[in-house]
C-alpha cells in the first residue's frame, strides 16, 4: 500500500449551483504528491498518512491524470487500444 494519500477539493460556484469535485492520489513519494498538487494551484489540498480504510474510501475519487513517465506510457497504450477497438 502507498504511504501517502493526497486529496484535492475543487469547489466551483455558478448561477446554477455549487459543484464540488474530490480527487485523490496515493504515492510513496511526497514529491510526486506535491507535483500533483501544483497541477491544481487554486484548490484546497491535504495529505494524509494512508491506511487500508482511507485507501478503500477514497479510491473512487482517484485522479487518473498521468504524471510519471510510466503512467504516460500506459495512457498512450490505452488510447491506442481504445482507438483500435472503436474502429472495429
PDB file of N, CA and C in Angstrom:
ATOM      1  N   UNK A   1       0.843  -1.173   0.000  1.00  0.00           N
ATOM      2  CA  UNK A   1       0.000   0.000   0.000  1.00  0.00           C
ATOM      3  C   UNK A   1       0.894   1.243   0.000  1.00  0.00           C
ATOM      4  N   UNK A   2       0.398   2.271  -0.674  1.00  0.00           N
ATOM      5  CA  UNK A   2       1.132   3.527  -0.758  1.00  0.00           C
ATOM      6  C   UNK A   2       1.109   4.240   0.593  1.00  0.00           C
ATOM      7  N   UNK A   3       2.161   4.977   0.866  1.00  0.00           N
ATOM      8  CA  UNK A   3       2.351   5.599   2.171  1.00  0.00           C
ATOM      9  C   UNK A   3       1.517   6.871   2.375  1.00  0.00           C
ATOM     10  N   UNK A   4       1.332   7.655   1.294  1.00  0.00           N
ATOM     11  CA  UNK A   4       0.621   8.930   1.404  1.00  0.00           C
ATOM     12  C   UNK A   4      -0.653   8.936   0.573  1.00  0.00           C
ATOM     13  N   UNK A   5      -1.648   9.660   1.071  1.00  0.00           N
ATOM     14  CA  UNK A   5      -2.893   9.878   0.342  1.00  0.00           C
ATOM     15  C   UNK A   5      -3.066  11.389   0.212  1.00  0.00           C
ATOM     16  N   UNK A   6      -3.072  11.878  -1.025  1.00  0.00           N
ATOM     17  CA  UNK A   6      -3.293  13.292  -1.276  1.00  0.00           C
ATOM     18  C   UNK A   6      -4.737  13.499  -1.709  1.00  0.00           C
ATOM     19  N   UNK A   7      -5.350  14.560  -1.202  1.00  0.00           N
ATOM     20  CA  UNK A   7      -6.727  14.883  -1.562  1.00  0.00           C
ATOM     21  C   UNK A   7      -6.798  16.327  -2.042  1.00  0.00           C
ATOM     22  N   UNK A   8      -7.593  16.552  -3.075  1.00  0.00           N
ATOM     23  CA  UNK A   8      -7.833  17.897  -3.593  1.00  0.00           C
ATOM     24  C   UNK A   8      -9.336  18.108  -3.664  1.00  0.00           C
ATOM     25  N   UNK A   9      -9.781  19.248  -3.126  1.00  0.00           N
ATOM     26  CA  UNK A   9     -11.198  19.604  -3.214  1.00  0.00           C
ATOM     27  C   UNK A   9     -11.329  20.748  -4.211  1.00  0.00           C
ATOM     28  N   UNK A  10     -12.074  20.498  -5.280  1.00  0.00           N
ATOM     29  CA  UNK A  10     -12.331  21.516  -6.289  1.00  0.00           C
ATOM     30  C   UNK A  10     -13.756  22.001  -6.074  1.00  0.00           C
ATOM     31  N   UNK A  11     -13.878  23.273  -5.755  1.00  0.00           N
ATOM     32  CA  UNK A  11     -15.154  23.865  -5.368  1.00  0.00           C
ATOM     33  C   UNK A  11     -15.455  25.005  -6.339  1.00  0.00           C
ATOM     34  N   UNK A  12     -16.564  24.887  -7.072  1.00  0.00           N
ATOM     35  CA  UNK A  12     -16.929  25.909  -8.053  1.00  0.00           C
ATOM     36  C   UNK A  12     -18.381  26.318  -7.850  1.00  0.00           C
ATOM     37  N   UNK A  13     -18.606  27.623  -7.780  1.00  0.00           N
ATOM     38  CA  UNK A  13     -19.959  28.153  -7.658  1.00  0.00           C
ATOM     39  C   UNK A  13     -20.355  28.813  -8.978  1.00  0.00           C
ATOM     40  N   UNK A  14     -21.624  28.672  -9.330  1.00  0.00           N
ATOM     41  CA  UNK A  14     -22.147  29.318 -10.528  1.00  0.00           C
ATOM     42  C   UNK A  14     -23.609  29.653 -10.301  1.00  0.00           C
ATOM     43  N   UNK A  15     -24.237  30.242 -11.309  1.00  0.00           N
ATOM     44  CA  UNK A  15     -25.650  30.608 -11.211  1.00  0.00           C
ATOM     45  C   UNK A  15     -26.529  29.365 -11.008  1.00  0.00           C
ATOM     46  N   UNK A  16     -26.088  28.240 -11.528  1.00  0.00           N
ATOM     47  CA  UNK A  16     -26.890  27.018 -11.433  1.00  0.00           C
ATOM     48  C   UNK A  16     -26.663  26.243 -10.132  1.00  0.00           C
ATOM     49  N   UNK A  17     -25.695  26.671  -9.333  1.00  0.00           N
ATOM     50  CA  UNK A  17     -25.458  25.997  -8.066  1.00  0.00           C
ATOM     51  C   UNK A  17     -23.984  25.792  -7.772  1.00  0.00           C
ATOM     52  N   UNK A  18     -23.718  24.907  -6.868  1.00  0.00           N
ATOM     53  CA  UNK A  18     -22.356  24.621  -6.436  1.00  0.00           C
ATOM     54  C   UNK A  18     -21.943  23.236  -6.922  1.00  0.00           C
ATOM     55  N   UNK A  19     -20.726  23.152  -7.420  1.00  0.00           N
ATOM     56  CA  UNK A  19     -20.179  21.883  -7.888  1.00  0.00           C
ATOM     57  C   UNK A  19     -18.918  21.587  -7.075  1.00  0.00           C
ATOM     58  N   UNK A  20     -18.901  20.450  -6.408  1.00  0.00           N
ATOM     59  CA  UNK A  20     -17.737  20.047  -5.618  1.00  0.00           C
ATOM     60  C   UNK A  20     -17.204  18.743  -6.188  1.00  0.00           C
ATOM     61  N   UNK A  21     -15.915  18.734  -6.480  1.00  0.00           N
ATOM     62  CA  UNK A  21     -15.255  17.551  -7.025  1.00  0.00           C
ATOM     63  C   UNK A  21     -14.104  17.200  -6.095  1.00  0.00           C
ATOM     64  N   UNK A  22     -13.973  15.938  -5.761  1.00  0.00           N
ATOM     65  CA  UNK A  22     -12.914  15.467  -4.885  1.00  0.00           C
ATOM     66  C   UNK A  22     -12.005  14.554  -5.693  1.00  0.00           C
ATOM     67  N   UNK A  23     -10.696  14.808  -5.643  1.00  0.00           N
ATOM     68  CA  UNK A  23      -9.714  13.981  -6.341  1.00  0.00           C
ATOM     69  C   UNK A  23      -8.758  13.388  -5.317  1.00  0.00           C
ATOM     70  N   UNK A  24      -8.302  12.169  -5.574  1.00  0.00           N
ATOM     71  CA  UNK A  24      -7.336  11.541  -4.662  1.00  0.00           C
ATOM     72  C   UNK A  24      -6.198  10.933  -5.456  1.00  0.00           C
ATOM     73  N   UNK A  25      -5.070  10.801  -4.798  1.00  0.00           N
ATOM     74  CA  UNK A  25      -3.904  10.155  -5.406  1.00  0.00           C
ATOM     75  C   UNK A  25      -3.056   9.582  -4.282  1.00  0.00           C
ATOM     76  N   UNK A  26      -2.552   8.389  -4.484  1.00  0.00           N
ATOM     77  CA  UNK A  26      -1.683   7.759  -3.491  1.00  0.00           C
ATOM     78  C   UNK A  26      -0.276   7.622  -4.058  1.00  0.00           C
ATOM     79  N   UNK A  27       0.710   7.707  -3.184  1.00  0.00           N
ATOM     80  CA  UNK A  27       2.098   7.568  -3.614  1.00  0.00           C
ATOM     81  C   UNK A  27       2.997   7.347  -2.401  1.00  0.00           C
ATOM     82  N   UNK A  28       4.134   6.718  -2.656  1.00  0.00           N
ATOM     83  CA  UNK A  28       5.173   6.587  -1.634  1.00  0.00           C
ATOM     84  C   UNK A  28       6.070   7.824  -1.634  1.00  0.00           C
ATOM     85  N   UNK A  29       6.010   8.596  -2.709  1.00  0.00           N
ATOM     86  CA  UNK A  29       6.885   9.738  -2.930  1.00  0.00           C
ATOM     87  C   UNK A  29       6.135  11.048  -2.677  1.00  0.00           C
ATOM     88  N   UNK A  30       6.515  11.767  -1.623  1.00  0.00           N
ATOM     89  CA  UNK A  30       5.859  13.029  -1.290  1.00  0.00           C
ATOM     90  C   UNK A  30       6.070  14.077  -2.380  1.00  0.00           C
ATOM     91  N   UNK A  31       7.204  14.015  -3.079  1.00  0.00           N
ATOM     92  CA  UNK A  31       7.467  14.958  -4.172  1.00  0.00           C
ATOM     93  C   UNK A  31       6.446  14.786  -5.290  1.00  0.00           C
ATOM     94  N   UNK A  32       6.055  13.562  -5.557  1.00  0.00           N
ATOM     95  CA  UNK A  32       5.055  13.296  -6.589  1.00  0.00           C
ATOM     96  C   UNK A  32       3.696  13.861  -6.170  1.00  0.00           C
ATOM     97  N   UNK A  33       3.348  13.725  -4.908  1.00  0.00           N
ATOM     98  CA  UNK A  33       2.093  14.295  -4.400  1.00  0.00           C
ATOM     99  C   UNK A  33       2.132  15.820  -4.543  1.00  0.00           C
ATOM    100  N   UNK A  34       3.256  16.441  -4.176  1.00  0.00           N
ATOM    101  CA  UNK A  34       3.374  17.894  -4.287  1.00  0.00           C
ATOM    102  C   UNK A  34       3.312  18.351  -5.749  1.00  0.00           C
ATOM    103  N   UNK A  35       3.913  17.588  -6.657  1.00  0.00           N
ATOM    104  CA  UNK A  35       3.840  17.904  -8.083  1.00  0.00           C
ATOM    105  C   UNK A  35       2.386  17.854  -8.556  1.00  0.00           C
ATOM    106  N   UNK A  36       1.671  16.854  -8.097  1.00  0.00           N
ATOM    107  CA  UNK A  36       0.251  16.717  -8.442  1.00  0.00           C
ATOM    108  C   UNK A  36      -0.546  17.891  -7.882  1.00  0.00           C
ATOM    109  N   UNK A  37      -0.267  18.297  -6.649  1.00  0.00           N
ATOM    110  CA  UNK A  37      -0.935  19.461  -6.061  1.00  0.00           C
ATOM    111  C   UNK A  37      -0.684  20.712  -6.901  1.00  0.00           C
ATOM    112  N   UNK A  38       0.532  20.856  -7.418  1.00  0.00           N
ATOM    113  CA  UNK A  38       0.874  22.024  -8.234  1.00  0.00           C
ATOM    114  C   UNK A  38       0.050  22.094  -9.519  1.00  0.00           C
ATOM    115  N   UNK A  39      -0.501  20.982  -9.945  1.00  0.00           N
ATOM    116  CA  UNK A  39      -1.354  20.963 -11.136  1.00  0.00           C
ATOM    117  C   UNK A  39      -2.717  21.597 -10.851  1.00  0.00           C
ATOM    118  N   UNK A  40      -3.077  21.724  -9.586  1.00  0.00           N
ATOM    119  CA  UNK A  40      -4.351  22.293  -9.155  1.00  0.00           C
ATOM    120  C   UNK A  40      -4.073  23.404  -8.126  1.00  0.00           C
ATOM    121  N   UNK A  41      -3.449  24.507  -8.553  1.00  0.00           N
ATOM    122  CA  UNK A  41      -2.961  25.500  -7.587  1.00  0.00           C
ATOM    123  C   UNK A  41      -4.038  26.291  -6.848  1.00  0.00           C
ATOM    124  N   UNK A  42      -5.209  26.434  -7.403  1.00  0.00           N
ATOM    125  CA  UNK A  42      -6.228  27.293  -6.786  1.00  0.00           C
ATOM    126  C   UNK A  42      -7.208  26.524  -5.909  1.00  0.00           C
ATOM    127  N   UNK A  43      -6.900  25.280  -5.612  1.00  0.00           N
ATOM    128  CA  UNK A  43      -7.836  24.437  -4.870  1.00  0.00           C
ATOM    129  C   UNK A  43      -7.220  23.949  -3.569  1.00  0.00           C
ATOM    130  N   UNK A  44      -8.061  23.480  -2.655  1.00  0.00           N
ATOM    131  CA  UNK A  44      -7.590  23.011  -1.344  1.00  0.00           C
ATOM    132  C   UNK A  44      -6.903  21.653  -1.462  1.00  0.00           C
ATOM    133  N   UNK A  45      -5.791  21.514  -0.724  1.00  0.00           N
ATOM    134  CA  UNK A  45      -5.011  20.268  -0.733  1.00  0.00           C
ATOM    135  C   UNK A  45      -4.824  19.779   0.689  1.00  0.00           C
ATOM    136  N   UNK A  46      -4.743  18.465   0.829  1.00  0.00           N
ATOM    137  CA  UNK A  46      -4.397  17.887   2.127  1.00  0.00           C
ATOM    138  C   UNK A  46      -3.689  16.551   1.880  1.00  0.00           C
ATOM    139  N   UNK A  47      -2.734  16.234   2.747  1.00  0.00           N
ATOM    140  CA  UNK A  47      -2.019  14.957   2.678  1.00  0.00           C
ATOM    141  C   UNK A  47      -2.285  14.205   3.971  1.00  0.00           C
ATOM    142  N   UNK A  48      -2.608  12.929   3.839  1.00  0.00           N
ATOM    143  CA  UNK A  48      -2.835  12.064   4.995  1.00  0.00           C
ATOM    144  C   UNK A  48      -1.918  10.859   4.898  1.00  0.00           C
ATOM    145  N   UNK A  49      -1.567  10.310   6.044  1.00  0.00           N
ATOM    146  CA  UNK A  49      -0.864   9.033   6.022  1.00  0.00           C
ATOM    147  C   UNK A  49      -1.902   7.982   5.683  1.00  0.00           C
ATOM    148  N   UNK A  50      -1.612   7.208   4.671  1.00  0.00           N
ATOM    149  CA  UNK A  50      -2.594   6.269   4.144  1.00  0.00           C
ATOM    150  C   UNK A  50      -2.711   5.008   5.010  1.00  0.00           C
ATOM    151  N   UNK A  51      -3.904   4.443   5.006  1.00  0.00           N
ATOM    152  CA  UNK A  51      -4.138   3.139   5.615  1.00  0.00           C
ATOM    153  C   UNK A  51      -5.225   2.444   4.788  1.00  0.00           C
ATOM    154  N   UNK A  52      -5.549   1.216   5.109  1.00  0.00           N
ATOM    155  CA  UNK A  52      -6.495   0.433   4.302  1.00  0.00           C
ATOM    156  C   UNK A  52      -7.868   1.082   4.206  1.00  0.00           C
ATOM    157  N   UNK A  53      -8.376   1.594   5.318  1.00  0.00           N
ATOM    158  CA  UNK A  53      -9.709   2.196   5.313  1.00  0.00           C
ATOM    159  C   UNK A  53      -9.752   3.454   4.459  1.00  0.00           C
ATOM    160  N   UNK A  54      -8.732   4.315   4.605  1.00  0.00           N
ATOM    161  CA  UNK A  54      -8.686   5.525   3.788  1.00  0.00           C
ATOM    162  C   UNK A  54      -8.532   5.175   2.316  1.00  0.00           C
ATOM    163  N   UNK A  55      -7.663   4.224   2.026  1.00  0.00           N
ATOM    164  CA  UNK A  55      -7.434   3.805   0.646  1.00  0.00           C
ATOM    165  C   UNK A  55      -8.737   3.311   0.018  1.00  0.00           C
ATOM    166  N   UNK A  56      -9.479   2.524   0.756  1.00  0.00           N
ATOM    167  CA  UNK A  56     -10.747   1.988   0.281  1.00  0.00           C
ATOM    168  C   UNK A  56     -11.784   3.097   0.085  1.00  0.00           C
ATOM    169  N   UNK A  57     -11.835   4.033   1.018  1.00  0.00           N
ATOM    170  CA  UNK A  57     -12.840   5.093   0.970  1.00  0.00           C
ATOM    171  C   UNK A  57     -12.609   6.070  -0.181  1.00  0.00           C
ATOM    172  N   UNK A  58     -11.352   6.414  -0.461  1.00  0.00           N
ATOM    173  CA  UNK A  58     -11.064   7.446  -1.448  1.00  0.00           C
ATOM    174  C   UNK A  58     -10.641   6.900  -2.807  1.00  0.00           C
ATOM    175  N   UNK A  59     -10.602   5.598  -2.974  1.00  0.00           N
ATOM    176  CA  UNK A  59     -10.200   5.006  -4.252  1.00  0.00           C
ATOM    177  C   UNK A  59     -11.123   5.432  -5.394  1.00  0.00           C
ATOM    178  N   UNK A  60     -12.395   5.615  -5.121  1.00  0.00           N
ATOM    179  CA  UNK A  60     -13.361   6.002  -6.157  1.00  0.00           C
ATOM    180  C   UNK A  60     -13.091   7.404  -6.713  1.00  0.00           C
ATOM    181  N   UNK A  61     -12.366   8.239  -5.953  1.00  0.00           N
ATOM    182  CA  UNK A  61     -12.058   9.606  -6.374  1.00  0.00           C
ATOM    183  C   UNK A  61     -10.688   9.716  -7.043  1.00  0.00           C
ATOM    184  N   UNK A  62     -10.083   8.596  -7.371  1.00  0.00           N
ATOM    185  CA  UNK A  62      -8.726   8.577  -7.910  1.00  0.00           C
ATOM    186  C   UNK A  62      -8.612   9.416  -9.184  1.00  0.00           C
ATOM    187  N   UNK A  63      -7.651  10.318  -9.192  1.00  0.00           N
ATOM    188  CA  UNK A  63      -7.374  11.151 -10.361  1.00  0.00           C
ATOM    189  C   UNK A  63      -6.489  10.341 -11.307  1.00  0.00           C
ATOM    190  N   UNK A  64      -6.973  10.113 -12.506  1.00  0.00           N
ATOM    191  CA  UNK A  64      -6.256   9.282 -13.468  1.00  0.00           C
ATOM    192  C   UNK A  64      -5.319  10.093 -14.373  1.00  0.00           C
ATOM    193  N   UNK A  65      -5.124  11.370 -14.076  1.00  0.00           N
ATOM    194  CA  UNK A  65      -4.216  12.199 -14.854  1.00  0.00           C
ATOM    195  C   UNK A  65      -2.806  11.623 -14.742  1.00  0.00           C
ATOM    196  N   UNK A  66      -2.183  11.271 -15.883  1.00  0.00           N
ATOM    197  CA  UNK A  66      -0.845  10.689 -15.814  1.00  0.00           C
ATOM    198  C   UNK A  66       0.202  11.733 -15.417  1.00  0.00           C
ATOM    199  N   UNK A  67       1.076  11.370 -14.491  1.00  0.00           N
ATOM    200  CA  UNK A  67       2.127  12.276 -14.032  1.00  0.00           C
ATOM    201  C   UNK A  67       3.498  11.703 -14.354  1.00  0.00           C
ATOM    202  N   UNK A  68       3.742  10.477 -13.957  1.00  0.00           N
ATOM    203  CA  UNK A  68       5.053   9.864 -14.182  1.00  0.00           C
ATOM    204  C   UNK A  68       5.165   9.395 -15.626  1.00  0.00           C
ATOM    205  N   UNK A  69       6.392   9.172 -16.082  1.00  0.00           N
ATOM    206  CA  UNK A  69       6.605   8.706 -17.456  1.00  0.00           C
ATOM    207  C   UNK A  69       5.966   7.330 -17.657  1.00  0.00           C
ATOM    208  N   UNK A  70       5.990   6.517 -16.624  1.00  0.00           N
ATOM    209  CA  UNK A  70       5.363   5.195 -16.687  1.00  0.00           C
ATOM    210  C   UNK A  70       3.844   5.317 -16.912  1.00  0.00           C
ATOM    211  N   UNK A  71       3.216   6.231 -16.185  1.00  0.00           N
ATOM    212  CA  UNK A  71       1.773   6.450 -16.339  1.00  0.00           C
ATOM    213  C   UNK A  71       1.449   7.016 -17.722  1.00  0.00           C
ATOM    214  N   UNK A  72       2.304   7.896 -18.227  1.00  0.00           N
ATOM    215  CA  UNK A  72       2.086   8.487 -19.552  1.00  0.00           C
ATOM    216  C   UNK A  72       2.181   7.418 -20.641  1.00  0.00           C
ATOM    217  N   UNK A  73       3.153   6.514 -20.522  1.00  0.00           N
ATOM    218  CA  UNK A  73       3.282   5.416 -21.487  1.00  0.00           C
ATOM    219  C   UNK A  73       2.057   4.509 -21.444  1.00  0.00           C
ATOM    220  N   UNK A  74       1.609   4.209 -20.241  1.00  0.00           N
ATOM    221  CA  UNK A  74       0.433   3.361 -20.074  1.00  0.00           C
ATOM    222  C   UNK A  74      -0.803   4.017 -20.689  1.00  0.00           C
ATOM    223  N   UNK A  75      -0.943   5.322 -20.523  1.00  0.00           N
ATOM    224  CA  UNK A  75      -2.079   6.049 -21.077  1.00  0.00           C
ATOM    225  C   UNK A  75      -2.034   6.036 -22.611  1.00  0.00           C
ATOM    226  N   UNK A  76      -0.837   6.169 -23.187  1.00  0.00           N
ATOM    227  CA  UNK A  76      -0.699   6.112 -24.648  1.00  0.00           C
ATOM    228  C   UNK A  76      -1.128   4.746 -25.172  1.00  0.00           C
ATOM    229  N   UNK A  77      -0.684   3.689 -24.481  1.00  0.00           N
ATOM    230  CA  UNK A  77      -1.066   2.335 -24.903  1.00  0.00           C
ATOM    231  C   UNK A  77      -2.579   2.147 -24.800  1.00  0.00           C
ATOM    232  N   UNK A  78      -3.164   2.657 -23.745  1.00  0.00           N
ATOM    233  CA  UNK A  78      -4.610   2.536 -23.554  1.00  0.00           C
ATOM    234  C   UNK A  78      -5.366   3.298 -24.644  1.00  0.00           C
ATOM    235  N   UNK A  79      -4.897   4.486 -25.014  1.00  0.00           N
ATOM    236  CA  UNK A  79      -5.537   5.264 -26.076  1.00  0.00           C
ATOM    237  C   UNK A  79      -5.478   4.531 -27.410  1.00  0.00           C
ATOM    238  N   UNK A  80      -4.304   3.953 -27.723  1.00  0.00           N
ATOM    239  CA  UNK A  80      -4.145   3.198 -28.978  1.00  0.00           C
ATOM    240  C   UNK A  80      -5.107   2.019 -29.007  1.00  0.00           C
ATOM    241  N   UNK A  81      -5.188   1.295 -27.899  1.00  0.00           N
ATOM    242  CA  UNK A  81      -6.084   0.154 -27.815  1.00  0.00           C
ATOM    243  C   UNK A  81      -7.537   0.600 -27.960  1.00  0.00           C
ATOM    244  N   UNK A  82      -7.897   1.687 -27.315  1.00  0.00           N
ATOM    245  CA  UNK A  82      -9.255   2.221 -27.394  1.00  0.00           C
ATOM    246  C   UNK A  82      -9.609   2.590 -28.841  1.00  0.00           C
ATOM    247  N   UNK A  83      -8.698   3.292 -29.512  1.00  0.00           N
ATOM    248  CA  UNK A  83      -8.950   3.686 -30.907  1.00  0.00           C
ATOM    249  C   UNK A  83      -9.077   2.456 -31.811  1.00  0.00           C
ATOM    250  N   UNK A  84      -8.253   1.456 -31.562  1.00  0.00           N
ATOM    251  CA  UNK A  84      -8.318   0.222 -32.334  1.00  0.00           C
ATOM    252  C   UNK A  84      -9.673  -0.469 -32.153  1.00  0.00           C
ATOM    253  N   UNK A  85     -10.126  -0.539 -30.938  1.00  0.00           N
ATOM    254  CA  UNK A  85     -11.423  -1.176 -30.631  1.00  0.00           C
ATOM    255  C   UNK A  85     -12.555  -0.388 -31.277  1.00  0.00           C
ATOM    256  N   UNK A  86     -12.493   0.941 -31.219  1.00  0.00           N
ATOM    257  CA  UNK A  86     -13.553   1.776 -31.778  1.00  0.00           C
ATOM    258  C   UNK A  86     -13.630   1.664 -33.296  1.00  0.00           C
ATOM    259  N   UNK A  87     -12.518   1.367 -33.974  1.00  0.00           N
ATOM    260  CA  UNK A  87     -12.518   1.217 -35.428  1.00  0.00           C
ATOM    261  C   UNK A  87     -13.187  -0.078 -35.858  1.00  0.00           C
ATOM    262  N   UNK A  88     -13.130  -1.069 -35.004  1.00  0.00           N
ATOM    263  CA  UNK A  88     -13.700  -2.393 -35.351  1.00  0.00           C
ATOM    264  C   UNK A  88     -15.191  -2.425 -35.230  1.00  0.00           C
TER     265      UNK A  88
END
